């Protein structure tokens, strides 16, 4: 159970960040080919990169959320032992 969580953190997080980085690089290359200037890179490009990284973080959180719930499994309907 915890090994699956560690595997997701050690394998899934770097791969998601790598895909996001490659997507941002391709976006930067395409915008450079079309001749966008410095004001594009300081404005909309920066905003798009923040949105991409934010979506990556949200995606990763929702992918590991079931594992976090299994680690901190709280049974609400469990009766306590009376001795």
C-alpha atoms as a PDB file:
ATOM      1  CA  UNK A   1       0.000   0.000   0.000  1.00  0.00           C
ATOM      2  CA  UNK A   2       2.723   2.456   0.968  1.00  0.00           C
ATOM      3  CA  UNK A   3       4.977   1.122  -1.791  1.00  0.00           C
ATOM      4  CA  UNK A   4       2.352   2.073  -4.375  1.00  0.00           C
ATOM      5  CA  UNK A   5       2.240   5.566  -2.897  1.00  0.00           C
ATOM      6  CA  UNK A   6       6.035   5.841  -3.023  1.00  0.00           C
ATOM      7  CA  UNK A   7       6.089   4.511  -6.567  1.00  0.00           C
ATOM      8  CA  UNK A   8       3.586   7.154  -7.624  1.00  0.00           C
ATOM      9  CA  UNK A   9       5.591   9.889  -5.946  1.00  0.00           C
ATOM     10  CA  UNK A  10       8.946   8.697  -7.290  1.00  0.00           C
ATOM     11  CA  UNK A  11       7.812   7.779 -10.818  1.00  0.00           C
ATOM     12  CA  UNK A  12       4.610   9.621 -11.619  1.00  0.00           C
ATOM     13  CA  UNK A  13       5.551  13.061 -10.312  1.00  0.00           C
ATOM     14  CA  UNK A  14       8.805  13.353 -12.302  1.00  0.00           C
ATOM     15  CA  UNK A  15       7.116  12.049 -15.446  1.00  0.00           C
ATOM     16  CA  UNK A  16       4.243  14.554 -15.114  1.00  0.00           C
ATOM     17  CA  UNK A  17       6.721  17.381 -14.576  1.00  0.00           C
ATOM     18  CA  UNK A  18       8.770  16.231 -17.570  1.00  0.00           C
ATOM     19  CA  UNK A  19       5.715  16.183 -19.842  1.00  0.00           C
ATOM     20  CA  UNK A  20       4.737  19.653 -18.606  1.00  0.00           C
ATOM     21  CA  UNK A  21       8.249  20.949 -19.254  1.00  0.00           C
ATOM     22  CA  UNK A  22       8.314  19.493 -22.774  1.00  0.00           C
ATOM     23  CA  UNK A  23       4.902  21.048 -23.469  1.00  0.00           C
ATOM     24  CA  UNK A  24       6.165  24.458 -22.285  1.00  0.00           C
ATOM     25  CA  UNK A  25       9.322  24.118 -24.403  1.00  0.00           C
ATOM     26  CA  UNK A  26       7.268  23.295 -27.509  1.00  0.00           C
ATOM     27  CA  UNK A  27       4.981  26.233 -26.766  1.00  0.00           C
ATOM     28  CA  UNK A  28       8.023  28.515 -26.456  1.00  0.00           C
ATOM     29  CA  UNK A  29       9.543  27.235 -29.698  1.00  0.00           C
ATOM     30  CA  UNK A  30       6.291  27.725 -31.604  1.00  0.00           C
ATOM     31  CA  UNK A  31       5.882  31.241 -30.246  1.00  0.00           C
ATOM     32  CA  UNK A  32       9.491  32.018 -31.182  1.00  0.00           C
ATOM     33  CA  UNK A  33       8.921  30.739 -34.713  1.00  0.00           C
ATOM     34  CA  UNK A  34       5.904  33.038 -35.088  1.00  0.00           C
ATOM     35  CA  UNK A  35       8.041  35.961 -33.890  1.00  0.00           C
ATOM     36  CA  UNK A  36       6.363  36.937 -30.645  1.00  0.00           C
ATOM     37  CA  UNK A  37       8.410  39.482 -28.722  1.00  0.00           C
ATOM     38  CA  UNK A  38       9.463  39.984 -25.125  1.00  0.00           C
ATOM     39  CA  UNK A  39       6.064  41.265 -24.053  1.00  0.00           C
ATOM     40  CA  UNK A  40       4.561  37.890 -24.985  1.00  0.00           C
ATOM     41  CA  UNK A  41       7.094  35.989 -22.884  1.00  0.00           C
ATOM     42  CA  UNK A  42       6.600  38.247 -19.854  1.00  0.00           C
ATOM     43  CA  UNK A  43       2.815  38.179 -20.085  1.00  0.00           C
ATOM     44  CA  UNK A  44       0.696  35.444 -21.663  1.00  0.00           C
ATOM     45  CA  UNK A  45       3.479  32.845 -21.938  1.00  0.00           C
ATOM     46  CA  UNK A  46       4.280  33.133 -18.234  1.00  0.00           C
ATOM     47  CA  UNK A  47       0.592  32.882 -17.388  1.00  0.00           C
ATOM     48  CA  UNK A  48       0.171  29.781 -19.589  1.00  0.00           C
ATOM     49  CA  UNK A  49       3.162  28.115 -17.923  1.00  0.00           C
ATOM     50  CA  UNK A  50       1.721  28.811 -14.476  1.00  0.00           C
ATOM     51  CA  UNK A  51      -1.598  27.321 -15.550  1.00  0.00           C
ATOM     52  CA  UNK A  52       0.138  24.228 -16.958  1.00  0.00           C
ATOM     53  CA  UNK A  53       2.108  23.686 -13.752  1.00  0.00           C
ATOM     54  CA  UNK A  54      -1.005  24.279 -11.654  1.00  0.00           C
ATOM     55  CA  UNK A  55      -2.961  21.694 -13.639  1.00  0.00           C
ATOM     56  CA  UNK A  56      -0.058  19.278 -13.231  1.00  0.00           C
ATOM     57  CA  UNK A  57      -0.103  19.763  -9.461  1.00  0.00           C
ATOM     58  CA  UNK A  58      -3.886  19.300  -9.268  1.00  0.00           C
ATOM     59  CA  UNK A  59      -3.697  16.175 -11.454  1.00  0.00           C
ATOM     60  CA  UNK A  60      -0.958  14.686  -9.294  1.00  0.00           C
ATOM     61  CA  UNK A  61      -2.885  15.452  -6.118  1.00  0.00           C
ATOM     62  CA  UNK A  62      -6.024  13.733  -7.388  1.00  0.00           C
ATOM     63  CA  UNK A  63      -3.982  10.738  -8.560  1.00  0.00           C
ATOM     64  CA  UNK A  64      -2.461  10.175  -5.121  1.00  0.00           C
ATOM     65  CA  UNK A  65      -5.557  11.115  -3.128  1.00  0.00           C
ATOM     66  CA  UNK A  66      -6.907   7.510  -2.943  1.00  0.00           C
ATOM     67  CA  UNK A  67      -3.537   6.327  -1.638  1.00  0.00           C
ATOM     68  CA  UNK A  68      -3.494   9.031   1.012  1.00  0.00           C
ATOM     69  CA  UNK A  69      -7.006   8.029   2.072  1.00  0.00           C
ATOM     70  CA  UNK A  70      -5.911   4.377   2.339  1.00  0.00           C
ATOM     71  CA  UNK A  71      -2.902   5.298   4.484  1.00  0.00           C
ATOM     72  CA  UNK A  72      -5.001   7.408   6.852  1.00  0.00           C
ATOM     73  CA  UNK A  73      -8.008   5.118   6.793  1.00  0.00           C
ATOM     74  CA  UNK A  74     -10.429   6.315   9.439  1.00  0.00           C
ATOM     75  CA  UNK A  75     -13.361   4.040  10.212  1.00  0.00           C
ATOM     76  CA  UNK A  76     -16.278   6.109  11.437  1.00  0.00           C
ATOM     77  CA  UNK A  77     -18.566   3.200  12.308  1.00  0.00           C
ATOM     78  CA  UNK A  78     -16.105   1.111  14.291  1.00  0.00           C
ATOM     79  CA  UNK A  79     -17.075   0.347  17.866  1.00  0.00           C
ATOM     80  CA  UNK A  80     -14.476   0.688  20.550  1.00  0.00           C
ATOM     81  CA  UNK A  81     -13.333  -2.218  22.682  1.00  0.00           C
ATOM     82  CA  UNK A  82     -14.734  -2.145  26.164  1.00  0.00           C
ATOM     83  CA  UNK A  83     -12.661  -3.955  28.756  1.00  0.00           C
END
